[in-house]
Structure formats: structure tokens, C-alpha cells
Amino acid sequence: MNPVDRALRLDDIIETVENKGLLAACREILATPYGFLYIYGGSGNAKSIALKALCNHFTLKGRSPVVYIKFKRLVDLMRDSFTEGSYRQKQRASGIDDIQNLGYLDRFERLKQIKVLAIDEFDKARATEFASEFRFDFLDERYEQAVRGETITLFAANSGPAGLPNALRSRINDGRFEVVENKAGDARPGLERDPQWSFGGEK
């Protein structure tokens, strides 16, 4: 994450009737830090901000390693392990650069060691055979770790778990975990340009 993202906190999300459930679920996983939290809802309603803010909270609490990554990048990272080339340079901002030269099994094992993993845009990756197989294998491992209280996996998606394959849906809907719909609307149309920002993101 960039410095702006690393400064995000849950308090940056203004609580409303529509996002009250989202914020309550985020506070709950901070209070009992293990398991899955699956957040879904429309675009532009702070799901990604919530994931990044949670990552920052857990980092401050010393629960490292903590990683935020989009699901498509995660799939690409694993698929790249089957190619001759090293992990693509454009992916280096993922926060898990140190595994770029490892093979698939080594990468898989390294990913399992991440204490807090936030997977954004969970429903955005193209549904290839590889992506589907990896998604189940990896999340089944994270599920086993979660029920033992070893790891936290955070998800954000536009669609709820109802559209997932039965085996994944069952694990995400485990009663020990949280699935919450963020009902807030799209805030992006109301955003305004900041005149202090110049080209390159410097004030």
C-alpha cells in the first residue's frame, strides 16, 4: 500500500445507517482477531478503505505479516510461478515481493504464513480453471488456519458469497465468521478535486 493507504483508519469512514453493519463487523474482528470477514456491496462505498484500515490496525498491533492484495494479482502471482520469467515487475507493489523467485509450492507455503491477508475484488478475477483450483485450495488452507485461530482473511467483493461454489460458500458462511453487506451508496460521484495536489501526487 502507498503512504496514503497506510494512513487510513476505520474512523475515516463516517458511520451511517447503511454502513453501520460493516463498521460493526470490522470492530468485531479487531476485538476477536481470527477467522474470515467477507464484505460485499456496490461500488465506491468504502469496502476497500475498510480492508486497508483493518490491515493498518493489525500492523500497529504487531500481527505481521499483514498483506493487502487484489485477487487478480494473487492469482497472477501464483500463475507466474509456472513460467520461466520472474514475477512481473508491475506487480511488485503487492507487498509480497520476496516470494517472486519461488516456485508454486514454495509460494503457496509462504502465502499460508501471512497472519492477516486482505483480498480485495475477490469476484473480479477471470474464472479460469487455474484460478478456480487455486482459489479453493488456498482458501481451504486459510479456512483450516482460521478455525484454529491462527490467521485472519478479509474479503471485499461486489457480490455476496451466494454466487460462489458450494464448498467455498459453506466455509465463508461458517457461523464463527462474519459476512456483511455494505448497503452504503457510491460515494465517488460526490468527491471533489483537491487543488493542493499536483502532478505526481505531491502537495
N, C-alpha and C. Protein backbone atom coordinates (compact mmCIF):
# COMPACT_ATOMS: atom_id res chain seq x y z
N MET A 1 0.84 -1.19 0.00
CA MET A 1 0.00 0.00 0.00
C MET A 1 0.88 1.25 0.00
N ASN A 2 0.35 2.33 -0.55
CA ASN A 2 1.09 3.59 -0.58
C ASN A 2 0.91 4.34 0.75
N PRO A 3 1.66 5.42 0.96
CA PRO A 3 1.58 6.12 2.25
C PRO A 3 0.18 6.62 2.59
N VAL A 4 -0.58 7.04 1.58
CA VAL A 4 -1.95 7.49 1.84
C VAL A 4 -2.79 6.34 2.38
N ASP A 5 -2.66 5.16 1.75
CA ASP A 5 -3.40 3.99 2.21
C ASP A 5 -2.99 3.57 3.62
N ARG A 6 -1.70 3.66 3.91
CA ARG A 6 -1.21 3.25 5.22
C ARG A 6 -1.68 4.17 6.35
N ALA A 7 -2.18 5.34 5.98
CA ALA A 7 -2.69 6.28 6.99
C ALA A 7 -4.17 6.07 7.29
N LEU A 8 -4.83 5.20 6.54
CA LEU A 8 -6.27 5.01 6.70
C LEU A 8 -6.61 4.32 8.02
N ARG A 9 -7.69 4.75 8.64
CA ARG A 9 -8.21 4.14 9.86
C ARG A 9 -9.72 3.98 9.71
N LEU A 10 -10.30 3.09 10.50
CA LEU A 10 -11.75 2.90 10.43
C LEU A 10 -12.50 4.19 10.73
N ASP A 11 -11.91 5.04 11.57
CA ASP A 11 -12.57 6.30 11.92
C ASP A 11 -12.69 7.23 10.71
N ASP A 12 -11.95 6.95 9.64
CA ASP A 12 -12.08 7.76 8.43
C ASP A 12 -13.38 7.49 7.69
N ILE A 13 -14.05 6.38 8.01
CA ILE A 13 -15.33 6.05 7.39
C ILE A 13 -16.44 6.62 8.27
N ILE A 14 -17.19 7.57 7.74
CA ILE A 14 -18.27 8.19 8.51
C ILE A 14 -19.41 7.19 8.64
N GLU A 15 -19.79 6.90 9.87
CA GLU A 15 -20.83 5.89 10.09
C GLU A 15 -22.20 6.42 9.71
N THR A 16 -22.93 5.59 8.96
CA THR A 16 -24.30 5.90 8.56
C THR A 16 -25.16 4.67 8.85
N VAL A 17 -26.45 4.81 8.65
CA VAL A 17 -27.34 3.67 8.82
C VAL A 17 -26.95 2.55 7.86
N GLU A 18 -26.55 2.94 6.63
CA GLU A 18 -26.26 1.95 5.59
C GLU A 18 -24.97 1.18 5.85
N ASN A 19 -23.96 1.80 6.44
CA ASN A 19 -22.68 1.09 6.65
C ASN A 19 -22.44 0.70 8.10
N LYS A 20 -23.46 0.84 8.92
CA LYS A 20 -23.31 0.51 10.35
C LYS A 20 -22.91 -0.94 10.55
N GLY A 21 -23.50 -1.86 9.77
CA GLY A 21 -23.16 -3.27 9.89
C GLY A 21 -21.72 -3.55 9.50
N LEU A 22 -21.25 -2.88 8.44
CA LEU A 22 -19.85 -3.02 8.01
C LEU A 22 -18.90 -2.63 9.13
N LEU A 23 -19.10 -1.47 9.72
CA LEU A 23 -18.19 -1.00 10.76
C LEU A 23 -18.26 -1.86 12.01
N ALA A 24 -19.45 -2.35 12.33
CA ALA A 24 -19.59 -3.23 13.49
C ALA A 24 -18.82 -4.53 13.26
N ALA A 25 -18.89 -5.08 12.06
CA ALA A 25 -18.16 -6.31 11.75
C ALA A 25 -16.65 -6.08 11.79
N CYS A 26 -16.20 -4.93 11.31
CA CYS A 26 -14.77 -4.60 11.36
C CYS A 26 -14.28 -4.50 12.81
N ARG A 27 -15.07 -3.86 13.64
CA ARG A 27 -14.68 -3.73 15.05
C ARG A 27 -14.69 -5.09 15.75
N GLU A 28 -15.61 -5.95 15.34
CA GLU A 28 -15.69 -7.27 15.96
C GLU A 28 -14.44 -8.09 15.66
N ILE A 29 -13.94 -8.05 14.42
CA ILE A 29 -12.76 -8.85 14.10
C ILE A 29 -11.51 -8.25 14.72
N LEU A 30 -11.53 -6.95 15.01
CA LEU A 30 -10.43 -6.36 15.77
C LEU A 30 -10.45 -6.83 17.22
N ALA A 31 -11.65 -7.02 17.74
CA ALA A 31 -11.79 -7.45 19.13
C ALA A 31 -11.52 -8.94 19.30
N THR A 32 -11.90 -9.74 18.30
CA THR A 32 -11.66 -11.19 18.32
C THR A 32 -10.92 -11.54 17.03
N PRO A 33 -9.62 -11.34 17.00
CA PRO A 33 -8.86 -11.37 15.76
C PRO A 33 -8.51 -12.77 15.23
N TYR A 34 -9.49 -13.40 14.60
CA TYR A 34 -9.23 -14.63 13.86
C TYR A 34 -10.39 -14.85 12.91
N GLY A 35 -10.18 -15.69 11.90
CA GLY A 35 -11.28 -16.10 11.03
C GLY A 35 -11.39 -15.32 9.74
N PHE A 36 -12.59 -15.38 9.15
CA PHE A 36 -12.91 -14.72 7.89
C PHE A 36 -13.83 -13.53 8.16
N LEU A 37 -13.66 -12.49 7.37
CA LEU A 37 -14.63 -11.41 7.28
C LEU A 37 -14.87 -11.14 5.80
N TYR A 38 -16.09 -11.35 5.36
CA TYR A 38 -16.45 -11.18 3.94
C TYR A 38 -17.39 -9.98 3.84
N ILE A 39 -16.91 -8.93 3.15
CA ILE A 39 -17.67 -7.70 2.96
C ILE A 39 -18.09 -7.62 1.49
N TYR A 40 -19.35 -7.34 1.25
CA TYR A 40 -19.78 -7.17 -0.14
C TYR A 40 -20.77 -6.01 -0.25
N GLY A 41 -20.92 -5.52 -1.48
CA GLY A 41 -21.82 -4.40 -1.72
C GLY A 41 -21.43 -3.68 -2.99
N GLY A 42 -22.15 -2.60 -3.27
CA GLY A 42 -21.92 -1.84 -4.50
C GLY A 42 -20.57 -1.17 -4.56
N SER A 43 -20.29 -0.58 -5.71
CA SER A 43 -19.00 0.08 -5.93
C SER A 43 -18.94 1.41 -5.17
N GLY A 44 -17.73 1.79 -4.79
CA GLY A 44 -17.48 3.11 -4.23
C GLY A 44 -18.03 3.37 -2.86
N ASN A 45 -18.24 2.30 -2.06
CA ASN A 45 -18.83 2.54 -0.73
C ASN A 45 -17.89 2.16 0.41
N ALA A 46 -16.60 2.25 0.17
CA ALA A 46 -15.55 2.17 1.20
C ALA A 46 -15.22 0.75 1.65
N LYS A 47 -15.55 -0.25 0.86
CA LYS A 47 -15.14 -1.62 1.21
C LYS A 47 -13.62 -1.73 1.22
N SER A 48 -12.97 -1.20 0.19
CA SER A 48 -11.51 -1.27 0.11
C SER A 48 -10.87 -0.46 1.23
N ILE A 49 -11.45 0.69 1.54
CA ILE A 49 -10.93 1.50 2.64
C ILE A 49 -11.00 0.72 3.95
N ALA A 50 -12.11 0.00 4.15
CA ALA A 50 -12.25 -0.80 5.37
C ALA A 50 -11.16 -1.86 5.44
N LEU A 51 -10.89 -2.55 4.33
CA LEU A 51 -9.84 -3.58 4.33
C LEU A 51 -8.48 -2.97 4.64
N LYS A 52 -8.16 -1.87 3.99
CA LYS A 52 -6.86 -1.23 4.21
C LYS A 52 -6.74 -0.72 5.64
N ALA A 53 -7.82 -0.16 6.17
CA ALA A 53 -7.80 0.34 7.55
C ALA A 53 -7.59 -0.81 8.53
N LEU A 54 -8.24 -1.95 8.29
CA LEU A 54 -8.04 -3.11 9.15
C LEU A 54 -6.59 -3.59 9.08
N CYS A 55 -6.04 -3.62 7.88
CA CYS A 55 -4.62 -4.00 7.75
C CYS A 55 -3.74 -3.08 8.59
N ASN A 56 -4.02 -1.79 8.55
CA ASN A 56 -3.22 -0.84 9.31
C ASN A 56 -3.37 -1.05 10.81
N HIS A 57 -4.59 -1.31 11.26
CA HIS A 57 -4.82 -1.58 12.68
C HIS A 57 -4.04 -2.81 13.13
N PHE A 58 -4.11 -3.88 12.33
CA PHE A 58 -3.41 -5.11 12.72
C PHE A 58 -1.90 -4.93 12.67
N THR A 59 -1.41 -4.14 11.73
CA THR A 59 0.03 -3.86 11.67
C THR A 59 0.48 -3.14 12.93
N LEU A 60 -0.30 -2.15 13.34
CA LEU A 60 0.04 -1.40 14.56
C LEU A 60 0.00 -2.30 15.80
N LYS A 61 -0.83 -3.34 15.75
CA LYS A 61 -0.91 -4.27 16.87
C LYS A 61 0.16 -5.36 16.80
N GLY A 62 1.00 -5.31 15.76
CA GLY A 62 2.11 -6.24 15.64
C GLY A 62 1.74 -7.62 15.13
N ARG A 63 0.61 -7.73 14.42
CA ARG A 63 0.18 -9.04 13.91
C ARG A 63 0.71 -9.26 12.50
N SER A 64 1.98 -9.02 12.28
CA SER A 64 2.57 -9.17 10.96
C SER A 64 2.95 -10.64 10.71
N PRO A 65 3.10 -11.04 9.43
CA PRO A 65 2.94 -10.18 8.26
C PRO A 65 1.48 -9.91 7.93
N VAL A 66 1.25 -8.69 7.43
CA VAL A 66 -0.07 -8.24 7.00
C VAL A 66 0.03 -7.85 5.53
N VAL A 67 -0.87 -8.38 4.71
CA VAL A 67 -0.80 -8.13 3.26
C VAL A 67 -2.18 -7.76 2.73
N TYR A 68 -2.23 -6.69 1.95
CA TYR A 68 -3.42 -6.30 1.18
C TYR A 68 -3.11 -6.56 -0.29
N ILE A 69 -4.00 -7.26 -0.98
CA ILE A 69 -3.76 -7.57 -2.39
C ILE A 69 -5.09 -7.81 -3.09
N LYS A 70 -5.16 -7.44 -4.35
CA LYS A 70 -6.35 -7.75 -5.15
C LYS A 70 -6.26 -9.20 -5.62
N PHE A 71 -7.43 -9.84 -5.71
CA PHE A 71 -7.43 -11.27 -6.00
C PHE A 71 -6.80 -11.58 -7.35
N LYS A 72 -7.02 -10.73 -8.34
CA LYS A 72 -6.40 -10.97 -9.65
C LYS A 72 -4.88 -10.98 -9.55
N ARG A 73 -4.31 -10.10 -8.76
CA ARG A 73 -2.86 -10.08 -8.58
C ARG A 73 -2.38 -11.34 -7.87
N LEU A 74 -3.16 -11.79 -6.91
CA LEU A 74 -2.80 -13.01 -6.20
C LEU A 74 -2.78 -14.20 -7.15
N VAL A 75 -3.79 -14.30 -8.00
CA VAL A 75 -3.83 -15.40 -8.99
C VAL A 75 -2.66 -15.27 -9.95
N ASP A 76 -2.39 -14.05 -10.43
CA ASP A 76 -1.26 -13.84 -11.34
C ASP A 76 0.06 -14.25 -10.69
N LEU A 77 0.21 -13.91 -9.44
CA LEU A 77 1.43 -14.25 -8.70
C LEU A 77 1.66 -15.75 -8.70
N MET A 78 0.60 -16.50 -8.46
CA MET A 78 0.74 -17.95 -8.43
C MET A 78 0.88 -18.53 -9.82
N ARG A 79 0.17 -18.00 -10.79
CA ARG A 79 0.28 -18.50 -12.16
C ARG A 79 1.68 -18.26 -12.70
N ASP A 80 2.28 -17.14 -12.35
CA ASP A 80 3.62 -16.80 -12.83
C ASP A 80 4.67 -17.81 -12.38
N SER A 81 4.38 -18.52 -11.31
CA SER A 81 5.37 -19.48 -10.81
C SER A 81 5.55 -20.65 -11.76
N PHE A 82 4.63 -20.80 -12.72
CA PHE A 82 4.75 -21.87 -13.70
C PHE A 82 5.48 -21.42 -14.95
N THR A 83 5.84 -20.15 -15.05
CA THR A 83 6.51 -19.63 -16.23
C THR A 83 8.00 -19.49 -15.96
N GLU A 84 8.78 -19.27 -17.02
CA GLU A 84 10.22 -19.12 -16.86
C GLU A 84 10.57 -17.75 -16.32
N GLY A 85 9.79 -16.75 -16.66
CA GLY A 85 10.08 -15.39 -16.19
C GLY A 85 9.81 -15.22 -14.72
N SER A 86 10.47 -14.25 -14.13
CA SER A 86 10.21 -13.95 -12.72
C SER A 86 8.92 -13.16 -12.61
N TYR A 87 8.49 -13.00 -11.41
CA TYR A 87 7.25 -12.27 -11.13
C TYR A 87 7.29 -10.89 -11.78
N ARG A 88 6.21 -10.54 -12.52
CA ARG A 88 6.21 -9.33 -13.32
C ARG A 88 6.48 -8.09 -12.48
N GLN A 89 7.32 -7.21 -13.06
CA GLN A 89 7.72 -6.01 -12.34
C GLN A 89 6.52 -5.17 -11.92
N LYS A 90 5.50 -5.11 -12.72
CA LYS A 90 4.36 -4.25 -12.40
C LYS A 90 3.59 -4.74 -11.18
N GLN A 91 3.85 -5.97 -10.74
CA GLN A 91 3.15 -6.50 -9.59
C GLN A 91 3.91 -6.26 -8.29
N ARG A 92 5.05 -5.61 -8.36
CA ARG A 92 5.95 -5.57 -7.21
C ARG A 92 5.39 -4.79 -6.03
N ALA A 93 4.34 -3.99 -6.25
CA ALA A 93 3.77 -3.20 -5.15
C ALA A 93 2.83 -4.01 -4.27
N SER A 94 2.73 -5.31 -4.50
CA SER A 94 1.75 -6.12 -3.77
C SER A 94 2.10 -6.29 -2.29
N GLY A 95 3.36 -6.09 -1.92
CA GLY A 95 3.74 -6.25 -0.54
C GLY A 95 4.29 -7.63 -0.23
N ILE A 96 4.36 -8.48 -1.25
CA ILE A 96 4.91 -9.82 -1.04
C ILE A 96 5.99 -10.09 -2.09
N ASP A 97 6.81 -9.07 -2.33
CA ASP A 97 7.84 -9.15 -3.36
C ASP A 97 8.85 -10.26 -3.10
N ASP A 98 9.07 -10.60 -1.82
CA ASP A 98 10.14 -11.53 -1.50
C ASP A 98 9.86 -12.96 -1.97
N ILE A 99 8.66 -13.24 -2.47
CA ILE A 99 8.38 -14.60 -2.92
C ILE A 99 8.42 -14.71 -4.44
N GLN A 100 8.88 -13.64 -5.11
CA GLN A 100 8.77 -13.61 -6.56
C GLN A 100 9.64 -14.66 -7.26
N ASN A 101 10.67 -15.13 -6.64
CA ASN A 101 11.53 -16.10 -7.29
C ASN A 101 11.28 -17.54 -6.85
N LEU A 102 10.22 -17.76 -6.09
CA LEU A 102 9.91 -19.09 -5.60
C LEU A 102 8.99 -19.83 -6.56
N GLY A 103 9.04 -21.17 -6.52
CA GLY A 103 8.12 -21.98 -7.29
C GLY A 103 6.75 -22.01 -6.67
N TYR A 104 5.79 -22.67 -7.33
CA TYR A 104 4.40 -22.64 -6.89
C TYR A 104 4.24 -23.13 -5.46
N LEU A 105 4.78 -24.31 -5.16
CA LEU A 105 4.58 -24.87 -3.82
C LEU A 105 5.22 -24.02 -2.74
N ASP A 106 6.40 -23.47 -3.04
CA ASP A 106 7.06 -22.59 -2.07
C ASP A 106 6.26 -21.31 -1.86
N ARG A 107 5.73 -20.77 -2.97
CA ARG A 107 4.91 -19.56 -2.85
C ARG A 107 3.66 -19.85 -2.04
N PHE A 108 3.06 -20.99 -2.33
CA PHE A 108 1.84 -21.38 -1.62
C PHE A 108 2.11 -21.46 -0.12
N GLU A 109 3.22 -22.08 0.24
CA GLU A 109 3.56 -22.20 1.66
C GLU A 109 3.84 -20.83 2.28
N ARG A 110 4.52 -19.96 1.53
CA ARG A 110 4.82 -18.63 2.06
C ARG A 110 3.54 -17.83 2.28
N LEU A 111 2.59 -17.95 1.34
CA LEU A 111 1.32 -17.24 1.48
C LEU A 111 0.55 -17.72 2.70
N LYS A 112 0.65 -19.00 2.99
CA LYS A 112 -0.05 -19.56 4.15
C LYS A 112 0.46 -18.96 5.45
N GLN A 113 1.67 -18.42 5.44
CA GLN A 113 2.27 -17.88 6.65
C GLN A 113 1.82 -16.45 6.96
N ILE A 114 1.08 -15.85 6.03
CA ILE A 114 0.62 -14.48 6.24
C ILE A 114 -0.46 -14.46 7.32
N LYS A 115 -0.22 -13.74 8.38
CA LYS A 115 -1.15 -13.72 9.51
C LYS A 115 -2.46 -13.02 9.17
N VAL A 116 -2.36 -11.88 8.49
CA VAL A 116 -3.55 -11.13 8.10
C VAL A 116 -3.48 -10.89 6.59
N LEU A 117 -4.42 -11.48 5.85
CA LEU A 117 -4.44 -11.35 4.40
C LEU A 117 -5.76 -10.71 3.99
N ALA A 118 -5.68 -9.55 3.35
CA ALA A 118 -6.87 -8.84 2.86
C ALA A 118 -6.93 -9.00 1.34
N ILE A 119 -7.97 -9.66 0.86
CA ILE A 119 -8.13 -9.92 -0.57
C ILE A 119 -9.26 -9.04 -1.10
N ASP A 120 -8.89 -8.05 -1.89
CA ASP A 120 -9.87 -7.13 -2.46
C ASP A 120 -10.32 -7.63 -3.84
N GLU A 121 -11.48 -7.15 -4.26
CA GLU A 121 -12.04 -7.51 -5.57
C GLU A 121 -12.04 -9.03 -5.76
N PHE A 122 -12.52 -9.72 -4.75
CA PHE A 122 -12.48 -11.17 -4.74
C PHE A 122 -13.27 -11.78 -5.89
N ASP A 123 -14.23 -11.07 -6.42
CA ASP A 123 -15.06 -11.60 -7.51
C ASP A 123 -14.66 -11.05 -8.87
N LYS A 124 -13.47 -10.43 -8.97
CA LYS A 124 -13.09 -9.79 -10.22
C LYS A 124 -12.19 -10.64 -11.14
N ALA A 125 -11.50 -11.62 -10.61
CA ALA A 125 -10.56 -12.38 -11.44
C ALA A 125 -11.31 -13.23 -12.46
N ARG A 126 -10.70 -13.38 -13.64
CA ARG A 126 -11.31 -14.20 -14.69
C ARG A 126 -11.38 -15.65 -14.22
N ALA A 127 -12.51 -16.28 -14.46
CA ALA A 127 -12.77 -17.62 -13.92
C ALA A 127 -12.13 -18.70 -14.79
N THR A 128 -10.80 -18.78 -14.74
CA THR A 128 -10.09 -19.83 -15.46
C THR A 128 -10.03 -21.09 -14.58
N GLU A 129 -9.66 -22.20 -15.18
CA GLU A 129 -9.51 -23.44 -14.41
C GLU A 129 -8.45 -23.27 -13.33
N PHE A 130 -7.34 -22.61 -13.69
CA PHE A 130 -6.27 -22.41 -12.71
C PHE A 130 -6.77 -21.57 -11.54
N ALA A 131 -7.44 -20.45 -11.85
CA ALA A 131 -7.91 -19.55 -10.80
C ALA A 131 -8.89 -20.26 -9.87
N SER A 132 -9.78 -21.05 -10.44
CA SER A 132 -10.78 -21.75 -9.63
C SER A 132 -10.13 -22.78 -8.71
N GLU A 133 -9.17 -23.54 -9.26
CA GLU A 133 -8.50 -24.56 -8.45
C GLU A 133 -7.67 -23.92 -7.35
N PHE A 134 -6.92 -22.87 -7.71
CA PHE A 134 -6.11 -22.20 -6.69
C PHE A 134 -6.99 -21.58 -5.62
N ARG A 135 -8.07 -20.94 -6.04
CA ARG A 135 -8.95 -20.27 -5.07
C ARG A 135 -9.45 -21.26 -4.03
N PHE A 136 -9.89 -22.43 -4.46
CA PHE A 136 -10.39 -23.39 -3.48
C PHE A 136 -9.26 -23.94 -2.61
N ASP A 137 -8.16 -24.37 -3.24
CA ASP A 137 -7.07 -24.97 -2.47
C ASP A 137 -6.52 -24.00 -1.42
N PHE A 138 -6.30 -22.76 -1.85
CA PHE A 138 -5.70 -21.79 -0.94
C PHE A 138 -6.67 -21.39 0.16
N LEU A 139 -7.91 -21.12 -0.21
CA LEU A 139 -8.87 -20.68 0.80
C LEU A 139 -9.28 -21.82 1.73
N ASP A 140 -9.20 -23.05 1.26
CA ASP A 140 -9.42 -24.17 2.17
C ASP A 140 -8.33 -24.22 3.23
N GLU A 141 -7.09 -23.95 2.82
CA GLU A 141 -5.98 -23.89 3.78
C GLU A 141 -6.20 -22.73 4.76
N ARG A 142 -6.58 -21.56 4.24
CA ARG A 142 -6.83 -20.42 5.11
C ARG A 142 -7.99 -20.70 6.07
N TYR A 143 -8.98 -21.43 5.59
CA TYR A 143 -10.12 -21.80 6.43
C TYR A 143 -9.66 -22.66 7.60
N GLU A 144 -8.84 -23.68 7.31
CA GLU A 144 -8.35 -24.55 8.38
C GLU A 144 -7.54 -23.75 9.40
N GLN A 145 -6.72 -22.83 8.91
CA GLN A 145 -5.96 -21.97 9.82
C GLN A 145 -6.89 -21.08 10.64
N ALA A 146 -7.93 -20.56 9.98
CA ALA A 146 -8.85 -19.64 10.63
C ALA A 146 -9.58 -20.30 11.79
N VAL A 147 -10.08 -21.52 11.58
CA VAL A 147 -10.84 -22.18 12.65
C VAL A 147 -9.94 -22.57 13.82
N ARG A 148 -8.63 -22.64 13.56
CA ARG A 148 -7.69 -22.87 14.65
C ARG A 148 -7.25 -21.56 15.31
N GLY A 149 -7.77 -20.45 14.83
CA GLY A 149 -7.43 -19.15 15.41
C GLY A 149 -6.07 -18.63 15.02
N GLU A 150 -5.50 -19.14 13.92
CA GLU A 150 -4.13 -18.80 13.55
C GLU A 150 -4.04 -17.59 12.63
N THR A 151 -5.03 -17.39 11.77
CA THR A 151 -4.94 -16.34 10.76
C THR A 151 -6.27 -15.60 10.61
N ILE A 152 -6.17 -14.47 9.92
CA ILE A 152 -7.33 -13.66 9.56
C ILE A 152 -7.31 -13.48 8.05
N THR A 153 -8.45 -13.72 7.40
CA THR A 153 -8.58 -13.44 5.98
C THR A 153 -9.77 -12.52 5.79
N LEU A 154 -9.51 -11.38 5.16
CA LEU A 154 -10.52 -10.37 4.89
C LEU A 154 -10.82 -10.36 3.40
N PHE A 155 -12.09 -10.29 3.05
CA PHE A 155 -12.50 -10.27 1.65
C PHE A 155 -13.35 -9.04 1.39
N ALA A 156 -13.22 -8.48 0.18
CA ALA A 156 -14.15 -7.46 -0.29
C ALA A 156 -14.57 -7.83 -1.70
N ALA A 157 -15.85 -7.72 -1.98
CA ALA A 157 -16.38 -8.08 -3.29
C ALA A 157 -17.66 -7.30 -3.55
N ASN A 158 -18.06 -7.21 -4.81
CA ASN A 158 -19.34 -6.59 -5.13
C ASN A 158 -20.49 -7.56 -4.88
N SER A 159 -20.24 -8.84 -5.09
CA SER A 159 -21.30 -9.84 -4.94
C SER A 159 -21.10 -10.65 -3.67
N GLY A 160 -22.19 -11.13 -3.12
CA GLY A 160 -22.14 -11.92 -1.90
C GLY A 160 -21.69 -13.33 -2.15
N PRO A 161 -21.47 -14.10 -1.10
CA PRO A 161 -20.97 -15.47 -1.25
C PRO A 161 -21.98 -16.43 -1.86
N ALA A 162 -23.23 -16.01 -2.03
CA ALA A 162 -24.25 -16.90 -2.59
C ALA A 162 -23.87 -17.38 -3.99
N GLY A 163 -23.10 -16.58 -4.73
CA GLY A 163 -22.72 -16.96 -6.08
C GLY A 163 -21.48 -17.82 -6.17
N LEU A 164 -20.86 -18.14 -5.05
CA LEU A 164 -19.65 -18.95 -5.05
C LEU A 164 -19.99 -20.43 -5.08
N PRO A 165 -19.05 -21.28 -5.50
CA PRO A 165 -19.28 -22.72 -5.43
C PRO A 165 -19.64 -23.15 -4.01
N ASN A 166 -20.40 -24.22 -3.91
CA ASN A 166 -20.93 -24.65 -2.61
C ASN A 166 -19.86 -24.80 -1.54
N ALA A 167 -18.73 -25.42 -1.90
CA ALA A 167 -17.69 -25.69 -0.91
C ALA A 167 -17.12 -24.39 -0.33
N LEU A 168 -16.90 -23.39 -1.20
CA LEU A 168 -16.40 -22.10 -0.71
C LEU A 168 -17.46 -21.35 0.07
N ARG A 169 -18.68 -21.37 -0.45
CA ARG A 169 -19.76 -20.67 0.23
C ARG A 169 -19.96 -21.21 1.65
N SER A 170 -19.87 -22.52 1.80
CA SER A 170 -20.03 -23.13 3.11
C SER A 170 -18.97 -22.64 4.09
N ARG A 171 -17.73 -22.55 3.63
CA ARG A 171 -16.64 -22.13 4.50
C ARG A 171 -16.78 -20.65 4.89
N ILE A 172 -17.13 -19.81 3.93
CA ILE A 172 -17.26 -18.38 4.22
C ILE A 172 -18.44 -18.13 5.13
N ASN A 173 -19.51 -18.93 4.98
CA ASN A 173 -20.70 -18.76 5.80
C ASN A 173 -20.63 -19.49 7.15
N ASP A 174 -19.47 -20.00 7.49
CA ASP A 174 -19.29 -20.62 8.80
C ASP A 174 -19.78 -19.65 9.89
N GLY A 175 -20.57 -20.16 10.81
CA GLY A 175 -21.17 -19.30 11.83
C GLY A 175 -20.19 -18.60 12.73
N ARG A 176 -18.93 -19.04 12.75
CA ARG A 176 -17.92 -18.37 13.55
C ARG A 176 -17.37 -17.12 12.87
N PHE A 177 -17.72 -16.96 11.60
CA PHE A 177 -17.18 -15.85 10.81
C PHE A 177 -18.29 -14.83 10.51
N GLU A 178 -17.89 -13.73 9.87
CA GLU A 178 -18.83 -12.65 9.56
C GLU A 178 -18.95 -12.46 8.06
N VAL A 179 -20.18 -12.38 7.58
CA VAL A 179 -20.50 -11.97 6.22
C VAL A 179 -21.39 -10.76 6.35
N VAL A 180 -21.00 -9.64 5.76
CA VAL A 180 -21.77 -8.41 5.94
C VAL A 180 -21.93 -7.69 4.60
N GLU A 181 -23.14 -7.25 4.34
CA GLU A 181 -23.41 -6.44 3.16
C GLU A 181 -23.29 -4.97 3.53
N ASN A 182 -22.45 -4.25 2.79
CA ASN A 182 -22.34 -2.81 2.97
C ASN A 182 -23.38 -2.16 2.06
N LYS A 183 -24.40 -1.60 2.66
CA LYS A 183 -25.53 -1.07 1.89
C LYS A 183 -25.37 0.40 1.52
N ALA A 184 -24.24 0.98 1.87
CA ALA A 184 -24.00 2.39 1.54
C ALA A 184 -23.91 2.56 0.03
N GLY A 185 -24.28 3.75 -0.43
CA GLY A 185 -24.23 4.04 -1.86
C GLY A 185 -22.84 4.41 -2.33
N ASP A 186 -22.72 4.68 -3.62
CA ASP A 186 -21.45 5.03 -4.26
C ASP A 186 -21.09 6.47 -3.90
N ALA A 187 -20.00 6.65 -3.17
CA ALA A 187 -19.58 7.99 -2.74
C ALA A 187 -18.74 8.71 -3.79
N ARG A 188 -18.27 7.98 -4.81
CA ARG A 188 -17.32 8.60 -5.76
C ARG A 188 -17.91 9.78 -6.52
N PRO A 189 -19.18 9.74 -6.97
CA PRO A 189 -19.69 10.90 -7.71
C PRO A 189 -19.69 12.20 -6.92
N GLY A 190 -19.68 12.12 -5.60
CA GLY A 190 -19.68 13.32 -4.78
C GLY A 190 -18.31 13.84 -4.40
N LEU A 191 -17.25 13.12 -4.82
CA LEU A 191 -15.90 13.56 -4.47
C LEU A 191 -15.49 14.77 -5.30
N GLU A 192 -14.62 15.59 -4.75
CA GLU A 192 -14.15 16.79 -5.42
C GLU A 192 -12.64 16.77 -5.53
N ARG A 193 -12.13 17.48 -6.54
CA ARG A 193 -10.69 17.57 -6.74
C ARG A 193 -10.06 18.36 -5.59
N ASP A 194 -8.88 17.94 -5.19
CA ASP A 194 -8.13 18.65 -4.17
C ASP A 194 -7.14 19.57 -4.87
N PRO A 195 -7.31 20.90 -4.79
CA PRO A 195 -6.43 21.82 -5.50
C PRO A 195 -4.99 21.81 -4.99
N GLN A 196 -4.75 21.19 -3.82
CA GLN A 196 -3.39 21.17 -3.28
C GLN A 196 -2.53 20.09 -3.94
N TRP A 197 -3.19 19.11 -4.59
CA TRP A 197 -2.42 18.03 -5.18
C TRP A 197 -1.93 18.43 -6.56
N SER A 198 -0.65 18.14 -6.81
CA SER A 198 -0.06 18.43 -8.11
C SER A 198 0.28 17.13 -8.80
N PHE A 199 0.75 17.23 -10.02
CA PHE A 199 1.11 16.04 -10.79
C PHE A 199 2.16 15.23 -10.04
N GLY A 200 1.95 13.91 -9.98
CA GLY A 200 2.87 13.05 -9.26
C GLY A 200 2.46 12.79 -7.84
N GLY A 201 1.32 13.38 -7.41
CA GLY A 201 0.81 13.10 -6.08
C GLY A 201 1.49 13.85 -4.96
N GLU A 202 2.22 14.93 -5.30
CA GLU A 202 2.92 15.69 -4.26
C GLU A 202 2.18 17.00 -4.01
N LYS A 203 2.11 17.35 -2.72
CA LYS A 203 1.50 18.64 -2.39
C LYS A 203 2.51 19.76 -2.41
